[in-house]
Protein backbone atom coordinates (compact mmCIF):
# COMPACT_ATOMS: atom_id res chain seq x y z
CA MET A 1 127.38 134.84 128.24
CA ARG A 2 125.89 134.97 124.78
CA LYS A 3 122.30 136.06 124.10
CA ALA A 4 120.09 136.21 121.04
CA TRP A 5 116.55 137.39 120.38
CA ALA A 6 114.13 136.37 117.63
CA TYR A 7 110.51 137.07 116.71
CA ALA A 8 107.76 135.16 114.91
CA PRO A 9 104.35 136.63 114.10
CA GLY A 10 101.12 135.07 115.25
CA HIS A 11 99.06 133.44 112.55
CA LEU A 12 95.32 132.98 112.02
CA THR A 13 94.19 130.28 109.59
CA GLY A 14 90.76 130.53 108.02
CA LEU A 15 90.76 127.34 105.95
CA PHE A 16 93.16 124.57 105.02
CA GLN A 17 93.76 121.13 103.54
CA ILE A 18 95.81 118.49 105.39
CA CYS A 19 98.77 117.23 103.35
CA ASP A 20 100.67 114.91 105.70
CA GLN A 21 100.96 111.62 103.83
CA SER A 22 104.62 111.88 102.81
CA GLU A 23 107.20 109.97 104.83
CA ASP A 24 109.48 113.01 104.63
CA PRO A 25 108.41 115.59 107.26
CA LEU A 26 109.82 118.38 105.10
CA LEU A 27 107.21 117.53 102.48
CA ARG A 28 104.33 117.30 104.96
CA GLY A 29 102.25 120.32 105.82
CA SER A 30 99.10 121.93 104.56
CA ARG A 31 97.62 124.05 101.82
CA GLY A 32 95.61 126.86 103.30
CA SER A 33 94.84 130.53 103.67
CA GLY A 34 95.29 132.96 106.53
CA LEU A 35 97.30 135.88 107.78
CA SER A 36 100.20 136.71 110.05
CA ILE A 37 99.57 139.29 112.77
CA THR A 38 101.94 141.60 114.61
CA GLN A 39 101.09 140.00 117.94
CA GLY A 40 103.37 136.97 118.10
CA VAL A 41 106.18 135.28 120.02
CA HIS A 42 109.47 136.86 121.11
CA THR A 43 112.12 134.40 122.27
CA ARG A 44 115.34 135.16 124.11
CA VAL A 45 118.06 132.55 124.41
CA ALA A 46 120.91 133.02 126.90
CA THR A 47 123.78 130.51 126.86
CA GLU A 48 126.83 129.90 128.98
CA PRO A 49 129.50 127.17 128.59
CA ALA A 50 129.16 124.33 131.11
CA ASP A 51 130.41 120.83 131.86
CA GLU A 52 126.98 119.37 131.09
CA THR A 53 124.13 120.68 128.93
CA SER A 54 120.94 121.74 130.70
CA TYR A 55 118.14 124.17 129.96
CA THR A 56 115.18 125.95 131.51
CA ILE A 57 112.20 127.11 129.44
CA TYR A 58 109.89 129.96 130.45
CA PHE A 59 106.49 130.95 129.05
CA ASN A 60 105.77 134.59 129.92
CA ASP A 61 108.24 134.47 132.83
CA GLU A 62 106.82 131.23 134.25
CA PRO A 63 109.10 128.14 134.15
CA THR A 64 107.50 125.17 132.42
CA ASP A 65 108.28 121.51 131.84
CA GLY A 66 105.51 121.11 129.23
CA ALA A 67 107.10 122.92 126.30
CA PHE A 68 107.38 119.79 124.18
CA VAL A 69 107.73 121.61 120.83
CA SER A 70 110.56 123.79 122.16
CA GLU A 71 112.16 120.70 123.68
CA ASN A 72 111.95 118.99 120.29
CA VAL A 73 113.79 121.93 118.70
CA LEU A 74 116.43 121.87 121.43
CA GLY A 75 116.86 118.13 120.98
CA LYS A 76 117.57 118.61 117.28
CA MET A 77 119.89 121.61 117.56
CA LEU A 78 121.93 121.15 120.72
CA PRO A 79 123.89 118.15 119.36
CA ARG A 80 125.26 120.53 116.71
CA ALA A 81 126.94 122.71 119.36
CA ASP A 82 130.71 122.59 119.81
CA GLN A 83 130.43 122.02 123.58
CA SER A 84 127.98 121.74 126.49
CA TYR A 85 125.95 124.74 127.65
CA ILE A 86 123.54 125.96 130.28
CA LEU A 87 120.64 127.56 128.43
CA GLU A 88 117.80 129.82 129.45
CA VAL A 89 114.94 130.04 126.94
CA ARG A 90 112.32 132.73 127.50
CA HIS A 91 109.24 132.80 125.28
CA THR A 92 107.10 135.93 125.53
CA ILE A 93 103.76 135.10 123.92
CA GLU A 94 101.47 138.00 123.05
CA THR A 95 98.46 135.96 121.94
CA PRO A 96 96.22 133.51 123.84
CA LEU A 97 97.74 130.02 124.12
CA GLY A 98 96.20 127.02 122.36
CA ALA A 99 93.69 129.14 120.49
CA GLY A 100 94.68 129.03 116.83
CA PHE A 101 97.26 131.84 116.85
CA GLY A 102 100.20 129.60 115.95
CA SER A 103 102.06 130.18 119.22
CA SER A 104 103.67 126.72 119.24
CA GLY A 105 104.98 127.22 115.73
CA GLY A 106 106.04 130.78 116.52
CA GLY A 107 107.89 129.60 119.60
CA ALA A 108 109.63 126.89 117.59
CA ILE A 109 110.70 129.29 114.83
CA SER A 110 111.95 132.04 117.13
CA LEU A 111 113.77 129.49 119.29
CA ALA A 112 115.47 127.89 116.27
CA LEU A 113 116.63 131.28 114.96
CA ALA A 114 117.84 132.56 118.33
CA LEU A 115 119.53 129.27 119.24
CA ASN A 116 121.33 129.10 115.90
CA GLU A 117 122.73 132.58 116.54
CA ALA A 118 123.52 132.22 120.25
CA LEU A 119 125.39 128.94 119.75
CA ASP A 120 126.91 129.99 116.42
CA LEU A 121 125.67 126.79 114.78
CA GLY A 122 126.15 128.12 111.26
CA LEU A 123 122.74 127.16 109.87
CA THR A 124 121.15 129.28 107.18
CA TYR A 125 117.79 130.92 107.87
CA THR A 126 115.98 128.21 105.88
CA GLU A 127 117.85 125.38 107.60
CA ALA A 128 117.01 126.79 111.05
CA VAL A 129 113.29 127.31 110.41
CA ARG A 130 113.03 123.86 108.83
CA VAL A 131 113.97 122.45 112.24
CA ALA A 132 110.92 124.27 113.63
CA HIS A 133 108.69 122.91 110.84
CA VAL A 134 109.71 119.31 111.54
CA ALA A 135 109.22 119.83 115.29
CA GLU A 136 105.64 121.00 114.72
CA ILE A 137 104.92 118.09 112.39
CA GLU A 138 106.32 115.54 114.84
CA CYS A 139 104.47 117.07 117.81
CA LYS A 140 101.21 117.40 115.82
CA THR A 141 100.73 121.01 116.89
CA GLY A 142 100.54 122.43 113.38
CA LEU A 143 101.07 121.82 109.68
CA GLY A 144 101.68 125.01 107.73
CA THR A 145 102.16 127.55 110.53
CA VAL A 146 105.96 127.65 110.31
CA PHE A 147 105.97 128.26 106.58
CA ALA A 148 103.26 130.93 106.89
CA ALA A 149 105.07 132.73 109.71
CA THR A 150 108.30 132.91 107.72
CA VAL A 151 106.48 134.44 104.73
CA GLY A 152 104.31 136.85 106.73
CA GLY A 153 101.46 138.87 105.30
CA PHE A 154 98.01 137.76 104.18
CA GLY A 155 97.62 135.13 101.49
CA VAL A 156 97.30 131.54 100.43
CA LEU A 157 99.75 128.64 100.79
CA TYR A 158 99.10 126.63 97.64
CA ARG A 159 101.96 124.11 97.79
CA PRO A 160 102.61 122.26 101.07
CA GLY A 161 105.93 121.70 102.74
CA ALA A 162 108.63 123.28 104.85
CA PRO A 163 110.16 126.70 104.10
CA GLY A 164 112.05 126.48 100.83
CA ILE A 165 109.68 123.74 99.60
CA GLY A 166 106.17 125.12 100.07
CA ALA A 167 104.88 128.02 97.97
CA ALA A 168 102.57 130.92 98.80
CA LEU A 169 100.78 133.79 97.09
CA ARG A 170 100.74 136.95 99.21
CA TYR A 171 98.00 139.56 98.93
CA GLU A 172 99.53 142.80 97.66
CA GLY A 173 97.33 144.88 99.96
CA SER A 174 98.41 143.14 103.19
CA ARG A 175 99.43 146.48 104.76
CA ASN A 176 95.99 147.94 104.10
CA VAL A 177 93.94 145.52 106.20
CA ARG A 178 93.59 144.80 109.90
CA VAL A 179 92.29 141.89 111.92
CA VAL A 180 89.56 142.11 114.52
CA TYR A 181 89.44 139.05 116.76
CA VAL A 182 87.56 137.89 119.85
CA PHE A 183 89.07 135.15 122.01
CA PHE A 184 86.76 132.84 123.96
CA GLY A 185 88.90 129.78 124.69
CA PRO A 186 91.39 127.16 123.45
CA ILE A 187 90.90 124.08 121.27
CA SER A 188 93.54 121.34 121.09
CA THR A 189 95.17 121.29 117.65
CA ARG A 190 96.80 117.95 118.45
CA GLU A 191 93.43 116.32 119.18
CA ALA A 192 91.79 117.91 116.14
CA LEU A 193 94.50 116.74 113.74
CA SER A 194 94.23 113.20 115.17
CA ASN A 195 90.44 112.94 114.68
CA PRO A 196 89.74 110.90 111.49
CA GLU A 197 86.21 112.25 111.00
CA LEU A 198 87.30 115.86 111.40
CA ARG A 199 90.27 115.33 109.06
CA ALA A 200 87.89 113.97 106.43
CA ARG A 201 85.57 116.99 106.71
CA ILE A 202 88.53 119.36 106.48
CA ASN A 203 89.82 117.77 103.29
CA GLU A 204 86.40 117.58 101.64
CA LEU A 205 86.42 121.34 101.04
CA GLY A 206 89.78 122.74 102.13
CA GLY A 207 91.62 122.06 98.90
CA VAL A 208 88.74 123.34 96.76
CA TYR A 209 88.78 126.70 98.53
CA VAL A 210 92.58 126.94 98.39
CA ASP A 211 92.40 126.50 94.61
CA GLU A 212 89.70 129.18 94.39
CA LEU A 213 91.76 131.67 96.40
CA HIS A 214 94.93 130.88 94.47
CA ARG A 215 93.01 131.72 91.31
CA GLU A 216 91.67 135.01 92.70
CA PHE A 217 92.61 136.28 96.14
CA THR A 218 90.70 139.08 97.85
CA PRO A 219 89.84 139.67 101.52
CA GLU A 220 86.16 139.32 100.70
CA ARG A 221 86.61 135.94 99.05
CA PHE A 222 88.84 134.81 101.92
CA MET A 223 86.19 135.69 104.49
CA ARG A 224 83.37 134.08 102.52
CA PHE A 225 85.21 130.82 101.90
CA SER A 226 86.62 130.69 105.43
CA ARG A 227 83.14 131.03 106.94
CA GLN A 228 81.75 128.35 104.63
CA PHE A 229 84.66 126.11 105.59
CA THR A 230 84.05 126.77 109.29
CA GLU A 231 80.37 125.82 108.98
CA HIS A 232 81.28 122.65 107.08
CA VAL A 233 83.92 121.54 109.60
CA GLY A 234 81.33 121.86 112.35
CA LEU A 235 83.30 123.17 115.34
CA VAL A 236 81.30 126.34 115.94
CA THR A 237 80.60 126.71 119.66
CA PRO A 238 77.52 128.48 121.13
CA ARG A 239 79.63 131.54 121.97
CA LEU A 240 81.00 131.74 118.44
CA ARG A 241 77.51 131.23 117.01
CA ARG A 242 76.09 134.14 119.01
CA LEU A 243 78.83 136.43 117.70
CA PHE A 244 78.47 135.16 114.12
CA ASP A 245 74.71 135.71 114.15
CA ALA A 246 74.95 139.17 115.72
CA MET A 247 77.55 140.36 113.23
CA ASP A 248 75.86 138.71 110.25
CA ALA A 249 72.84 140.85 111.08
CA GLU A 250 75.11 143.91 110.79
CA GLY A 251 76.56 142.80 107.47
CA VAL A 252 80.00 141.87 108.87
CA THR A 253 81.29 138.35 108.30
CA PHE A 254 83.34 136.66 111.01
CA THR A 255 84.91 133.22 110.85
CA MET A 256 86.66 130.82 113.26
CA ALA A 257 90.40 130.42 113.80
CA MET A 258 91.70 126.93 113.01
CA PHE A 259 91.96 125.76 115.77
CA GLY A 260 90.65 127.88 118.59
CA GLU A 261 87.44 129.25 120.01
CA VAL A 262 88.29 132.54 118.34
CA ALA A 263 86.18 134.63 115.98
CA PHE A 264 87.98 136.92 113.57
CA THR A 265 87.42 139.10 110.56
CA VAL A 266 89.67 140.92 108.08
CA GLN A 267 88.68 144.54 107.45
CA PRO A 268 90.07 147.65 105.73
CA LYS A 269 92.34 149.57 108.11
CA ASP A 270 90.00 152.53 108.43
CA GLU A 271 87.01 150.32 109.30
CA ALA A 272 88.54 147.90 111.82
CA GLN A 273 87.95 150.06 114.91
CA LEU A 274 84.34 150.65 113.86
CA VAL A 275 83.81 146.89 113.57
CA ALA A 276 85.36 146.37 117.01
CA LYS A 277 83.00 148.99 118.46
CA LEU A 278 80.06 147.21 116.83
CA VAL A 279 81.10 143.90 118.38
CA ARG A 280 81.25 145.48 121.84
CA GLU A 281 77.80 146.93 121.36
CA LYS A 282 76.11 143.86 119.90
CA VAL A 283 77.81 140.92 121.67
CA LYS A 284 77.59 140.93 125.45
CA GLY A 285 80.93 140.29 127.14
CA ALA A 286 82.94 140.29 123.90
CA ARG A 287 86.36 141.92 124.06
CA PRO A 288 87.51 142.53 120.49
CA VAL A 289 91.18 143.10 119.71
CA VAL A 290 92.36 145.02 116.64
CA CYS A 291 95.71 143.98 115.22
CA ASP A 292 97.85 144.86 112.19
CA VAL A 293 98.99 142.31 109.64
CA ASP A 294 102.68 141.41 109.95
CA THR A 295 104.48 141.72 106.63
CA ARG A 296 108.10 141.01 107.61
CA GLY A 297 107.82 137.39 108.80
CA ALA A 298 109.92 135.66 111.44
CA ALA A 299 113.34 137.21 112.02
CA LEU A 300 116.38 137.36 114.27
CA LEU A 301 116.22 140.64 116.19
CA ARG A 302 119.60 141.30 117.72
CA LEU A 303 122.59 139.69 119.42
CA LYS A 304 124.46 140.71 122.56
CA THR A 305 127.70 139.20 123.76
CA HIS A 306 128.97 139.69 127.30
CA PRO A 307 132.26 138.51 128.78
CA SER A 308 131.94 135.48 131.01
CA ARG A 309 132.26 136.14 134.71
């Protein structure tokens, strides 16, 4: 039996521009700004030779038949294998599902990296993660998440496209900031990206703010532009509004994760816990989480080989 493990950070997007008009999925994606967080997706792939290929996918130890992005990755990579296999895919997801943390993209990346290793497919890192990028584009679960998760850190993606094609500027002080987030509920990225009116609102301002941040990137400018973008897009729920208003009154700007009913802010490391305490005091029922920024990006973790029995 051959096993491989891989990791992809979670990702929170504050603002973006949709760039999906090209016929080539490697050139589709987004321009945007956000940050990778240390809470992410760990994927383990276990493989064993068999007469016929089959697989089982687990989310947090629960078997699922609705992992369409992972199935897309498997469908692209398994034909490259030298024989048939029985596969067990286990995704351990540390962030809320469907809430703007990039878990579908993280699952796709970590699966592609682990599968490439476990099956000895011979793909380079870039070739493997490009499979994940195309899967997300085809499934309409994300645009720039895969690229962002491979780069890691806090910054701005100013040229769209798959890893090796897109381009990003990373904030030099990524290690010196933390994220404070409050999760309320999920929002369907697939539905949002298929809504013509919402797409139009996104692209009215998204590209303008990306250009501004590419010109001068600071956490303060990121938070200000992200909040303005959030208000313009018009998806703020009553629960998010109550938190925004309460924290605005305290001089702390929060914004919304794209896409999820999640409020978040980027703060200096030594102030993040104080902000979390303030949220607990001022917003009834809020459960803030403090998280570090991931600066390594998606990676293969380790490989174990056991003799077949």
